[in-house]
């Protein structure tokens, strides 16, 4: 498994696990990131926030929160 924070811009990511305490898991799932969901990394410079797209919605995540999301890199979006 790979961290969302390590996923390159333009790649799709399948969420497999969310680590952290109750509050972190709740906050991450409230913004639409849940186990089994697929998202696209729009922007990840390795520093600052990561912008992801879930369906038609774009969301910015801090690096700390993105490091709690684990899953599989599905490669570059076509």
C-alpha atoms as a PDB file:
ATOM      1  CA  UNK A   1       0.000   0.000   0.000  1.00  0.00           C
ATOM      2  CA  UNK A   2       1.026   3.573  -0.635  1.00  0.00           C
ATOM      3  CA  UNK A   3       0.308   6.857   1.145  1.00  0.00           C
ATOM      4  CA  UNK A   4      -1.941   9.340  -0.625  1.00  0.00           C
ATOM      5  CA  UNK A   5       0.695  11.980   0.142  1.00  0.00           C
ATOM      6  CA  UNK A   6       3.217  10.052  -2.015  1.00  0.00           C
ATOM      7  CA  UNK A   7       0.929   9.778  -5.044  1.00  0.00           C
ATOM      8  CA  UNK A   8       1.888  11.874  -8.063  1.00  0.00           C
ATOM      9  CA  UNK A   9      -0.313  14.504  -9.701  1.00  0.00           C
ATOM     10  CA  UNK A  10      -2.581  13.075 -12.386  1.00  0.00           C
ATOM     11  CA  UNK A  11      -2.685   9.592 -10.855  1.00  0.00           C
ATOM     12  CA  UNK A  12      -5.803   7.775  -9.674  1.00  0.00           C
ATOM     13  CA  UNK A  13      -5.796   6.319  -6.154  1.00  0.00           C
ATOM     14  CA  UNK A  14      -7.949   3.572  -4.626  1.00  0.00           C
ATOM     15  CA  UNK A  15      -8.452   4.104  -0.871  1.00  0.00           C
ATOM     16  CA  UNK A  16      -7.869   0.891   1.105  1.00  0.00           C
ATOM     17  CA  UNK A  17      -7.341   2.123   4.670  1.00  0.00           C
ATOM     18  CA  UNK A  18      -7.573   5.256   6.793  1.00  0.00           C
ATOM     19  CA  UNK A  19      -5.235   5.422   9.797  1.00  0.00           C
ATOM     20  CA  UNK A  20      -5.547   7.702  12.779  1.00  0.00           C
ATOM     21  CA  UNK A  21      -7.793   8.297  15.724  1.00  0.00           C
ATOM     22  CA  UNK A  22     -11.577   8.519  15.742  1.00  0.00           C
ATOM     23  CA  UNK A  23     -11.606  12.231  14.920  1.00  0.00           C
ATOM     24  CA  UNK A  24      -9.199  11.924  12.001  1.00  0.00           C
ATOM     25  CA  UNK A  25     -11.062   9.009  10.459  1.00  0.00           C
ATOM     26  CA  UNK A  26     -14.392  10.803  10.927  1.00  0.00           C
ATOM     27  CA  UNK A  27     -13.115  14.052   9.369  1.00  0.00           C
ATOM     28  CA  UNK A  28     -11.605  12.266   6.390  1.00  0.00           C
ATOM     29  CA  UNK A  29     -14.763  10.250   5.742  1.00  0.00           C
ATOM     30  CA  UNK A  30     -16.982  13.343   6.141  1.00  0.00           C
ATOM     31  CA  UNK A  31     -15.240  14.990   3.183  1.00  0.00           C
ATOM     32  CA  UNK A  32     -15.980  11.939   1.037  1.00  0.00           C
ATOM     33  CA  UNK A  33     -12.797   9.884   1.298  1.00  0.00           C
ATOM     34  CA  UNK A  34     -13.795   6.368   2.346  1.00  0.00           C
ATOM     35  CA  UNK A  35     -12.382   2.879   1.963  1.00  0.00           C
ATOM     36  CA  UNK A  36     -13.156   1.642  -1.541  1.00  0.00           C
ATOM     37  CA  UNK A  37     -13.455   5.114  -3.068  1.00  0.00           C
ATOM     38  CA  UNK A  38     -11.353   6.103  -6.064  1.00  0.00           C
ATOM     39  CA  UNK A  39      -9.992   9.610  -6.355  1.00  0.00           C
ATOM     40  CA  UNK A  40      -7.697  11.528  -8.687  1.00  0.00           C
ATOM     41  CA  UNK A  41      -4.739  13.553  -7.425  1.00  0.00           C
ATOM     42  CA  UNK A  42      -5.018  16.923  -9.179  1.00  0.00           C
ATOM     43  CA  UNK A  43      -2.030  18.590  -7.534  1.00  0.00           C
ATOM     44  CA  UNK A  44       0.717  17.314  -5.245  1.00  0.00           C
ATOM     45  CA  UNK A  45       3.962  19.248  -5.041  1.00  0.00           C
ATOM     46  CA  UNK A  46       5.178  17.209  -2.066  1.00  0.00           C
ATOM     47  CA  UNK A  47       4.745  20.231   0.204  1.00  0.00           C
ATOM     48  CA  UNK A  48       1.637  22.088   1.242  1.00  0.00           C
ATOM     49  CA  UNK A  49      -1.796  20.857   0.402  1.00  0.00           C
ATOM     50  CA  UNK A  50      -2.795  18.085  -1.972  1.00  0.00           C
ATOM     51  CA  UNK A  51      -5.801  18.697  -4.210  1.00  0.00           C
ATOM     52  CA  UNK A  52      -7.843  15.595  -5.020  1.00  0.00           C
ATOM     53  CA  UNK A  53     -10.953  15.073  -7.091  1.00  0.00           C
ATOM     54  CA  UNK A  54     -13.698  12.746  -5.912  1.00  0.00           C
ATOM     55  CA  UNK A  55     -16.420  12.506  -8.528  1.00  0.00           C
ATOM     56  CA  UNK A  56     -16.963  16.127  -9.601  1.00  0.00           C
ATOM     57  CA  UNK A  57     -15.730  17.675  -6.347  1.00  0.00           C
ATOM     58  CA  UNK A  58     -12.201  18.993  -5.711  1.00  0.00           C
ATOM     59  CA  UNK A  59     -10.915  18.942  -2.127  1.00  0.00           C
ATOM     60  CA  UNK A  60      -7.687  20.250  -0.590  1.00  0.00           C
ATOM     61  CA  UNK A  61      -5.993  18.125   2.089  1.00  0.00           C
ATOM     62  CA  UNK A  62      -2.994  18.952   4.225  1.00  0.00           C
ATOM     63  CA  UNK A  63       0.022  16.636   4.110  1.00  0.00           C
ATOM     64  CA  UNK A  64      -0.728  15.340   7.622  1.00  0.00           C
ATOM     65  CA  UNK A  65      -4.216  14.243   6.688  1.00  0.00           C
ATOM     66  CA  UNK A  66      -3.048  12.798   3.356  1.00  0.00           C
ATOM     67  CA  UNK A  67      -0.490  10.641   5.195  1.00  0.00           C
ATOM     68  CA  UNK A  68      -3.331   8.900   7.024  1.00  0.00           C
ATOM     69  CA  UNK A  69      -4.917   7.683   3.776  1.00  0.00           C
ATOM     70  CA  UNK A  70      -3.431   4.469   2.375  1.00  0.00           C
ATOM     71  CA  UNK A  71      -4.265   2.614  -0.794  1.00  0.00           C
ATOM     72  CA  UNK A  72      -3.168   1.654  -4.284  1.00  0.00           C
ATOM     73  CA  UNK A  73      -1.841   3.921  -7.008  1.00  0.00           C
ATOM     74  CA  UNK A  74      -3.881   3.042 -10.114  1.00  0.00           C
ATOM     75  CA  UNK A  75      -1.584   4.959 -12.427  1.00  0.00           C
ATOM     76  CA  UNK A  76      -2.034   7.990 -14.627  1.00  0.00           C
ATOM     77  CA  UNK A  77      -5.578   8.978 -15.514  1.00  0.00           C
ATOM     78  CA  UNK A  78      -6.306   8.686 -19.244  1.00  0.00           C
END
